[in-house]
Amino acid sequence: MGEEEDDDDRSVNTTAIFNNATRMCESTAQTSGPRDCAKFVTLEFCQMVCGNVTQP
């Protein structure tokens, strides 16, 4: 493959998660694992991205 490699299996480090039940960002212990759209590098980044989420 060329430059368009599929990087879905890349490991990422996260310290925050968006809790869908409470609709809030929460700090977590640092974890490393596959990409997950609910996990974020920092709590601040989670709040910046998801801070204005409202109930559907």
PDB file of N, CA and C in Angstrom:
ATOM      1  N   MET A   1       0.833  -1.191   0.000  1.00  0.00           N
ATOM      2  CA  MET A   1       0.000   0.000   0.000  1.00  0.00           C
ATOM      3  C   MET A   1       0.871   1.245   0.000  1.00  0.00           C
ATOM      4  N   GLY A   2       0.320   2.331  -0.424  1.00  0.00           N
ATOM      5  CA  GLY A   2       1.061   3.575  -0.464  1.00  0.00           C
ATOM      6  C   GLY A   2       0.876   4.372   0.802  1.00  0.00           C
ATOM      7  N   GLU A   3       0.659   5.667   0.641  1.00  0.00           N
ATOM      8  CA  GLU A   3       0.521   6.545   1.789  1.00  0.00           C
ATOM      9  C   GLU A   3      -0.828   6.412   2.470  1.00  0.00           C
ATOM     10  N   GLU A   4      -1.774   5.744   1.839  1.00  0.00           N
ATOM     11  CA  GLU A   4      -3.113   5.625   2.398  1.00  0.00           C
ATOM     12  C   GLU A   4      -3.255   4.369   3.236  1.00  0.00           C
ATOM     13  N   GLU A   5      -2.316   4.145   4.143  1.00  0.00           N
ATOM     14  CA  GLU A   5      -2.383   2.975   5.002  1.00  0.00           C
ATOM     15  C   GLU A   5      -3.560   3.096   5.946  1.00  0.00           C
ATOM     16  N   ASP A   6      -4.188   1.961   6.242  1.00  0.00           N
ATOM     17  CA  ASP A   6      -5.283   1.924   7.193  1.00  0.00           C
ATOM     18  C   ASP A   6      -4.688   1.921   8.591  1.00  0.00           C
ATOM     19  N   ASP A   7      -4.901   2.997   9.366  1.00  0.00           N
ATOM     20  CA  ASP A   7      -4.288   3.078  10.682  1.00  0.00           C
ATOM     21  C   ASP A   7      -5.292   2.850  11.806  1.00  0.00           C
ATOM     22  N   ASP A   8      -6.403   2.154  11.535  1.00  0.00           N
ATOM     23  CA  ASP A   8      -7.394   1.875  12.565  1.00  0.00           C
ATOM     24  C   ASP A   8      -6.834   1.019  13.687  1.00  0.00           C
ATOM     25  N   ASP A   9      -5.778   0.258  13.440  1.00  0.00           N
ATOM     26  CA  ASP A   9      -5.197  -0.607  14.451  1.00  0.00           C
ATOM     27  C   ASP A   9      -4.113   0.095  15.260  1.00  0.00           C
ATOM     28  N   ARG A  10      -3.871   1.356  14.996  1.00  0.00           N
ATOM     29  CA  ARG A  10      -2.852   2.107  15.721  1.00  0.00           C
ATOM     30  C   ARG A  10      -3.227   2.252  17.178  1.00  0.00           C
ATOM     31  N   SER A  11      -2.254   2.150  18.055  1.00  0.00           N
ATOM     32  CA  SER A  11      -2.480   2.304  19.482  1.00  0.00           C
ATOM     33  C   SER A  11      -2.403   3.782  19.847  1.00  0.00           C
ATOM     34  N   VAL A  12      -3.333   4.239  20.680  1.00  0.00           N
ATOM     35  CA  VAL A  12      -3.343   5.626  21.123  1.00  0.00           C
ATOM     36  C   VAL A  12      -3.387   5.670  22.649  1.00  0.00           C
ATOM     37  N   ASN A  13      -2.843   6.742  23.230  1.00  0.00           N
ATOM     38  CA  ASN A  13      -2.872   6.945  24.680  1.00  0.00           C
ATOM     39  C   ASN A  13      -3.987   7.926  25.008  1.00  0.00           C
ATOM     40  N   THR A  14      -4.807   7.596  26.010  1.00  0.00           N
ATOM     41  CA  THR A  14      -5.910   8.468  26.388  1.00  0.00           C
ATOM     42  C   THR A  14      -5.957   8.655  27.899  1.00  0.00           C
ATOM     43  N   THR A  15      -6.492   9.808  28.337  1.00  0.00           N
ATOM     44  CA  THR A  15      -6.657  10.078  29.768  1.00  0.00           C
ATOM     45  C   THR A  15      -8.048  10.611  30.081  1.00  0.00           C
ATOM     46  N   ALA A  16      -8.955  10.562  29.110  1.00  0.00           N
ATOM     47  CA  ALA A  16     -10.320  11.030  29.331  1.00  0.00           C
ATOM     48  C   ALA A  16     -11.272  10.262  28.423  1.00  0.00           C
ATOM     49  N   ILE A  17     -12.523  10.199  28.860  1.00  0.00           N
ATOM     50  CA  ILE A  17     -13.539   9.502  28.080  1.00  0.00           C
ATOM     51  C   ILE A  17     -14.834  10.297  28.143  1.00  0.00           C
ATOM     52  N   PHE A  18     -15.616  10.251  27.071  1.00  0.00           N
ATOM     53  CA  PHE A  18     -16.934  10.874  27.072  1.00  0.00           C
ATOM     54  C   PHE A  18     -17.928   9.825  27.529  1.00  0.00           C
ATOM     55  N   ASN A  19     -18.606  10.090  28.653  1.00  0.00           N
ATOM     56  CA  ASN A  19     -19.599   9.176  29.203  1.00  0.00           C
ATOM     57  C   ASN A  19     -20.939   9.508  28.564  1.00  0.00           C
ATOM     58  N   ASN A  20     -21.430   8.629  27.716  1.00  0.00           N
ATOM     59  CA  ASN A  20     -22.664   8.875  26.981  1.00  0.00           C
ATOM     60  C   ASN A  20     -23.878   8.924  27.907  1.00  0.00           C
ATOM     61  N   ALA A  21     -23.840   8.203  29.028  1.00  0.00           N
ATOM     62  CA  ALA A  21     -24.970   8.184  29.962  1.00  0.00           C
ATOM     63  C   ALA A  21     -25.140   9.528  30.668  1.00  0.00           C
ATOM     64  N   THR A  22     -24.027  10.139  31.083  1.00  0.00           N
ATOM     65  CA  THR A  22     -24.090  11.419  31.795  1.00  0.00           C
ATOM     66  C   THR A  22     -23.903  12.606  30.862  1.00  0.00           C
ATOM     67  N   ARG A  23     -23.461  12.329  29.626  1.00  0.00           N
ATOM     68  CA  ARG A  23     -23.175  13.365  28.620  1.00  0.00           C
ATOM     69  C   ARG A  23     -22.077  14.307  29.098  1.00  0.00           C
ATOM     70  N   MET A  24     -21.099  13.742  29.850  1.00  0.00           N
ATOM     71  CA  MET A  24     -19.994  14.538  30.373  1.00  0.00           C
ATOM     72  C   MET A  24     -18.670  13.845  30.106  1.00  0.00           C
ATOM     73  N   CYS A  25     -17.606  14.640  30.070  1.00  0.00           N
ATOM     74  CA  CYS A  25     -16.254  14.105  29.956  1.00  0.00           C
ATOM     75  C   CYS A  25     -15.753  13.747  31.345  1.00  0.00           C
ATOM     76  N   GLU A  26     -15.014  12.643  31.437  1.00  0.00           N
ATOM     77  CA  GLU A  26     -14.492  12.185  32.718  1.00  0.00           C
ATOM     78  C   GLU A  26     -13.022  11.825  32.569  1.00  0.00           C
ATOM     79  N   SER A  27     -12.246  12.120  33.612  1.00  0.00           N
ATOM     80  CA  SER A  27     -10.837  11.712  33.636  1.00  0.00           C
ATOM     81  C   SER A  27     -10.757  10.211  33.852  1.00  0.00           C
ATOM     82  N   THR A  28      -9.752   9.597  33.254  1.00  0.00           N
ATOM     83  CA  THR A  28      -9.502   8.174  33.446  1.00  0.00           C
ATOM     84  C   THR A  28      -8.010   7.979  33.676  1.00  0.00           C
ATOM     85  N   ALA A  29      -7.664   6.819  34.161  1.00  0.00           N
ATOM     86  CA  ALA A  29      -6.250   6.469  34.233  1.00  0.00           C
ATOM     87  C   ALA A  29      -5.735   6.407  32.800  1.00  0.00           C
ATOM     88  N   GLN A  30      -4.471   6.712  32.603  1.00  0.00           N
ATOM     89  CA  GLN A  30      -3.927   6.661  31.248  1.00  0.00           C
ATOM     90  C   GLN A  30      -4.031   5.241  30.718  1.00  0.00           C
ATOM     91  N   THR A  31      -4.597   5.120  29.535  1.00  0.00           N
ATOM     92  CA  THR A  31      -4.714   3.824  28.889  1.00  0.00           C
ATOM     93  C   THR A  31      -4.138   3.915  27.499  1.00  0.00           C
ATOM     94  N   SER A  32      -3.771   2.790  26.980  1.00  0.00           N
ATOM     95  CA  SER A  32      -3.243   2.698  25.630  1.00  0.00           C
ATOM     96  C   SER A  32      -3.997   1.583  24.937  1.00  0.00           C
ATOM     97  N   GLY A  33      -4.489   1.866  23.754  1.00  0.00           N
ATOM     98  CA  GLY A  33      -5.235   0.841  23.037  1.00  0.00           C
ATOM     99  C   GLY A  33      -5.682   1.342  21.686  1.00  0.00           C
ATOM    100  N   PRO A  34      -6.538   0.556  21.037  1.00  0.00           N
ATOM    101  CA  PRO A  34      -7.006   0.946  19.709  1.00  0.00           C
ATOM    102  C   PRO A  34      -7.838   2.227  19.763  1.00  0.00           C
ATOM    103  N   ARG A  35      -7.902   2.897  18.660  1.00  0.00           N
ATOM    104  CA  ARG A  35      -8.656   4.139  18.553  1.00  0.00           C
ATOM    105  C   ARG A  35     -10.113   3.900  18.957  1.00  0.00           C
ATOM    106  N   ASP A  36     -10.675   4.845  19.701  1.00  0.00           N
ATOM    107  CA  ASP A  36     -12.061   4.777  20.157  1.00  0.00           C
ATOM    108  C   ASP A  36     -12.586   6.202  20.131  1.00  0.00           C
ATOM    109  N   CYS A  37     -13.676   6.441  19.431  1.00  0.00           N
ATOM    110  CA  CYS A  37     -14.143   7.824  19.255  1.00  0.00           C
ATOM    111  C   CYS A  37     -14.677   8.449  20.539  1.00  0.00           C
ATOM    112  N   ALA A  38     -14.840   7.677  21.625  1.00  0.00           N
ATOM    113  CA  ALA A  38     -15.299   8.232  22.897  1.00  0.00           C
ATOM    114  C   ALA A  38     -14.143   8.551  23.835  1.00  0.00           C
ATOM    115  N   LYS A  39     -12.912   8.210  23.444  1.00  0.00           N
ATOM    116  CA  LYS A  39     -11.745   8.441  24.299  1.00  0.00           C
ATOM    117  C   LYS A  39     -10.912   9.589  23.747  1.00  0.00           C
ATOM    118  N   PHE A  40     -10.309  10.356  24.663  1.00  0.00           N
ATOM    119  CA  PHE A  40      -9.564  11.545  24.274  1.00  0.00           C
ATOM    120  C   PHE A  40      -8.212  11.602  24.968  1.00  0.00           C
ATOM    121  N   VAL A  41      -7.289  12.318  24.355  1.00  0.00           N
ATOM    122  CA  VAL A  41      -5.937  12.456  24.884  1.00  0.00           C
ATOM    123  C   VAL A  41      -5.957  13.162  26.237  1.00  0.00           C
ATOM    124  N   THR A  42      -6.751  14.220  26.367  1.00  0.00           N
ATOM    125  CA  THR A  42      -6.834  14.963  27.627  1.00  0.00           C
ATOM    126  C   THR A  42      -8.292  15.284  27.943  1.00  0.00           C
ATOM    127  N   LEU A  43      -8.559  15.563  29.214  1.00  0.00           N
ATOM    128  CA  LEU A  43      -9.894  15.974  29.636  1.00  0.00           C
ATOM    129  C   LEU A  43     -10.275  17.288  28.959  1.00  0.00           C
ATOM    130  N   GLU A  44      -9.329  18.203  28.855  1.00  0.00           N
ATOM    131  CA  GLU A  44      -9.595  19.499  28.233  1.00  0.00           C
ATOM    132  C   GLU A  44     -10.010  19.341  26.770  1.00  0.00           C
ATOM    133  N   PHE A  45      -9.352  18.430  26.061  1.00  0.00           N
ATOM    134  CA  PHE A  45      -9.704  18.220  24.654  1.00  0.00           C
ATOM    135  C   PHE A  45     -11.098  17.609  24.546  1.00  0.00           C
ATOM    136  N   CYS A  46     -11.420  16.672  25.426  1.00  0.00           N
ATOM    137  CA  CYS A  46     -12.760  16.087  25.443  1.00  0.00           C
ATOM    138  C   CYS A  46     -13.809  17.176  25.663  1.00  0.00           C
ATOM    139  N   GLN A  47     -13.571  18.052  26.635  1.00  0.00           N
ATOM    140  CA  GLN A  47     -14.515  19.124  26.936  1.00  0.00           C
ATOM    141  C   GLN A  47     -14.635  20.104  25.779  1.00  0.00           C
ATOM    142  N   MET A  48     -13.546  20.360  25.084  1.00  0.00           N
ATOM    143  CA  MET A  48     -13.582  21.256  23.940  1.00  0.00           C
ATOM    144  C   MET A  48     -14.435  20.653  22.819  1.00  0.00           C
ATOM    145  N   VAL A  49     -14.276  19.360  22.580  1.00  0.00           N
ATOM    146  CA  VAL A  49     -14.984  18.698  21.487  1.00  0.00           C
ATOM    147  C   VAL A  49     -16.433  18.386  21.854  1.00  0.00           C
ATOM    148  N   CYS A  50     -16.672  17.968  23.089  1.00  0.00           N
ATOM    149  CA  CYS A  50     -17.990  17.468  23.485  1.00  0.00           C
ATOM    150  C   CYS A  50     -18.702  18.347  24.503  1.00  0.00           C
ATOM    151  N   GLY A  51     -18.156  19.476  24.842  1.00  0.00           N
ATOM    152  CA  GLY A  51     -18.698  20.301  25.914  1.00  0.00           C
ATOM    153  C   GLY A  51     -20.129  20.748  25.734  1.00  0.00           C
ATOM    154  N   ASN A  52     -20.593  20.896  24.512  1.00  0.00           N
ATOM    155  CA  ASN A  52     -21.942  21.385  24.275  1.00  0.00           C
ATOM    156  C   ASN A  52     -22.891  20.298  23.798  1.00  0.00           C
ATOM    157  N   VAL A  53     -22.580  19.049  24.139  1.00  0.00           N
ATOM    158  CA  VAL A  53     -23.442  17.947  23.718  1.00  0.00           C
ATOM    159  C   VAL A  53     -24.724  17.988  24.536  1.00  0.00           C
ATOM    160  N   THR A  54     -25.854  17.849  23.867  1.00  0.00           N
ATOM    161  CA  THR A  54     -27.139  17.816  24.561  1.00  0.00           C
ATOM    162  C   THR A  54     -27.826  16.491  24.291  1.00  0.00           C
ATOM    163  N   GLN A  55     -28.830  16.192  25.072  1.00  0.00           N
ATOM    164  CA  GLN A  55     -29.568  14.941  24.890  1.00  0.00           C
ATOM    165  C   GLN A  55     -30.216  14.930  23.511  1.00  0.00           C
ATOM    166  N   PRO A  56     -30.232  13.758  22.863  1.00  0.00           N
ATOM    167  CA  PRO A  56     -30.858  13.674  21.528  1.00  0.00           C
ATOM    168  C   PRO A  56     -32.359  13.853  21.597  1.00  0.00           C
TER     169      PRO A  56
END
